[in-house]
Amino acid sequence: MAHQVKGEFEVKRTPEGGCDLGDGAVAGHFRFDKRFHGALDATAVVHMLAVGTEVEGSAAYVAVERIAGALDGRVGAFLTQHTGTLDRGAPTLTVTVVPDSGSGELKGLSGRMTIDIADGKHYYSFEYELAREE
């Protein structure tokens, strides 16, 4: 049975220095520290690599995030994988729980998260399932 939780989060971005991709191409490397509120009461650390192109509005990023805290009262941690693309201004973003990354009471967690930014505030919607241990 799928569950859905929603709430706000704060985020702080810190540049980490670029990553050499060869032939002068560089990916930006950023660290994000997040604080989630609501049914997901947790902190997170994200490391992101981002690239742009010569075409304005076209770019991409990948990231790995570790979220630790409580989800609907269950305490543990899990990892997410981010894949974001900006295709001439049209954004797509997928944030997925890394399989078998849940620990503590979040063991067996799977799911997807969406992120929205409105009026300078960050919001999440997280649809998840917890597999029963046999």
Protein backbone atom coordinates (compact mmCIF):
# COMPACT_ATOMS: atom_id res chain seq x y z
CA MET A 1 0.00 0.00 0.00
CA ALA A 2 1.47 3.36 -1.06
CA HIS A 3 1.64 6.28 1.35
CA GLN A 4 2.10 9.93 0.49
CA VAL A 5 3.53 12.69 2.66
CA LYS A 6 4.04 16.36 1.88
CA GLY A 7 5.82 19.25 3.51
CA GLU A 8 8.43 21.99 3.25
CA PHE A 9 12.19 21.89 3.41
CA GLU A 10 15.02 24.37 3.69
CA VAL A 11 18.17 24.01 1.65
CA LYS A 12 21.65 25.52 1.85
CA ARG A 13 23.95 25.25 -1.19
CA THR A 14 27.74 25.16 -0.92
CA PRO A 15 30.02 25.07 -4.00
CA GLU A 16 32.55 22.23 -3.78
CA GLY A 17 34.72 23.05 -6.81
CA GLY A 18 34.41 21.74 -10.34
CA CYS A 19 35.02 18.21 -11.62
CA ASP A 20 37.22 17.78 -14.70
CA LEU A 21 35.35 15.96 -17.49
CA GLY A 22 38.28 16.15 -19.94
CA ASP A 23 39.14 18.48 -22.83
CA GLY A 24 38.38 21.52 -20.68
CA ALA A 25 34.81 20.51 -19.86
CA VAL A 26 33.91 20.94 -16.18
CA ALA A 27 30.92 19.82 -14.12
CA GLY A 28 29.95 22.01 -11.20
CA HIS A 29 30.02 20.14 -7.87
CA PHE A 30 27.71 21.35 -5.11
CA ARG A 31 26.81 20.18 -1.61
CA PHE A 32 23.31 20.83 -0.32
CA ASP A 33 22.29 20.55 3.32
CA LYS A 34 18.54 20.10 3.75
CA ARG A 35 16.08 20.14 6.66
CA PHE A 36 12.72 18.47 5.95
CA HIS A 37 9.57 19.30 7.96
CA GLY A 38 6.26 17.50 8.29
CA ALA A 39 5.72 13.75 8.13
CA LEU A 40 9.31 13.53 6.85
CA ASP A 41 11.18 15.04 9.80
CA ALA A 42 14.78 14.66 8.69
CA THR A 43 18.07 16.15 7.61
CA ALA A 44 19.89 15.38 4.38
CA VAL A 45 23.21 15.84 2.62
CA VAL A 46 23.22 15.95 -1.19
CA HIS A 47 26.19 15.94 -3.56
CA MET A 48 25.33 17.14 -7.07
CA LEU A 49 27.21 17.33 -10.37
CA ALA A 50 25.75 19.78 -12.90
CA VAL A 51 26.56 20.69 -16.49
CA GLY A 52 25.28 23.25 -18.96
CA THR A 53 25.45 23.48 -22.73
CA GLU A 54 25.98 26.23 -25.28
CA VAL A 55 22.20 26.34 -25.78
CA GLU A 56 20.54 28.62 -23.25
CA GLY A 57 18.12 26.69 -21.04
CA SER A 58 19.69 23.26 -21.64
CA ALA A 59 21.49 21.56 -18.76
CA ALA A 60 21.52 18.44 -16.60
CA TYR A 61 22.38 17.29 -13.11
CA VAL A 62 22.79 14.07 -11.17
CA ALA A 63 22.94 13.78 -7.40
CA VAL A 64 22.99 11.34 -4.52
CA GLU A 65 21.30 12.25 -1.22
CA ARG A 66 21.30 10.64 2.22
CA ILE A 67 18.18 11.42 4.26
CA ALA A 68 18.19 10.57 7.99
CA GLY A 69 15.39 11.07 10.50
CA ALA A 70 11.78 10.00 10.85
CA LEU A 71 9.20 9.18 8.17
CA ASP A 72 5.68 8.92 9.56
CA GLY A 73 7.27 8.22 12.95
CA ARG A 74 9.62 5.46 11.70
CA VAL A 75 13.28 6.26 12.38
CA GLY A 76 16.08 5.43 9.96
CA ALA A 77 17.94 6.62 6.89
CA PHE A 78 17.84 6.07 3.14
CA LEU A 79 19.47 7.23 -0.09
CA THR A 80 17.90 8.93 -3.10
CA GLN A 81 19.16 9.37 -6.65
CA HIS A 82 18.35 12.59 -8.54
CA THR A 83 18.32 12.94 -12.33
CA GLY A 84 17.40 16.36 -13.66
CA THR A 85 17.30 17.72 -17.20
CA LEU A 86 16.52 21.14 -18.58
CA ASP A 87 15.69 20.86 -22.30
CA ARG A 88 15.57 24.41 -23.70
CA GLY A 89 13.82 25.54 -20.55
CA ALA A 90 11.55 22.51 -20.06
CA PRO A 91 12.51 20.80 -16.78
CA THR A 92 12.22 17.12 -15.83
CA LEU A 93 13.28 15.70 -12.49
CA THR A 94 13.26 12.19 -11.07
CA VAL A 95 14.11 11.56 -7.41
CA THR A 96 14.01 7.85 -6.56
CA VAL A 97 14.84 5.90 -3.41
CA VAL A 98 17.94 3.77 -4.02
CA PRO A 99 16.84 0.11 -3.73
CA ASP A 100 17.76 -1.60 -0.44
CA SER A 101 19.22 1.62 1.00
CA GLY A 102 16.76 1.94 3.91
CA SER A 103 18.07 1.34 7.42
CA GLY A 104 16.51 1.05 10.87
CA GLU A 105 12.71 1.19 10.74
CA LEU A 106 12.95 2.32 7.07
CA LYS A 107 14.42 -0.97 5.87
CA GLY A 108 12.53 -2.08 2.74
CA LEU A 109 11.65 1.51 1.75
CA SER A 110 10.95 2.33 -1.90
CA GLY A 111 9.45 5.39 -3.49
CA ARG A 112 9.70 8.63 -5.46
CA MET A 113 9.83 12.25 -4.43
CA THR A 114 8.81 15.38 -6.30
CA ILE A 115 10.18 18.81 -5.50
CA ASP A 116 8.43 22.12 -6.16
CA ILE A 117 9.69 25.65 -5.60
CA ALA A 118 7.10 28.40 -5.23
CA ASP A 119 7.60 31.94 -3.93
CA GLY A 120 11.14 31.05 -2.85
CA LYS A 121 10.01 28.10 -0.70
CA HIS A 122 10.83 24.44 -1.31
CA TYR A 123 8.14 21.75 -1.06
CA TYR A 124 8.32 17.96 -1.30
CA SER A 125 5.78 15.27 -2.02
CA PHE A 126 6.99 11.76 -1.23
CA GLU A 127 5.12 8.64 -2.29
CA TYR A 128 6.56 5.56 -0.62
CA GLU A 129 6.04 1.94 0.36
CA LEU A 130 7.63 -0.16 3.06
CA ALA A 131 8.07 -3.83 2.21
CA ARG A 132 7.10 -6.27 4.92
CA GLU A 133 9.97 -8.30 6.26
CA GLU A 134 9.40 -12.01 5.98
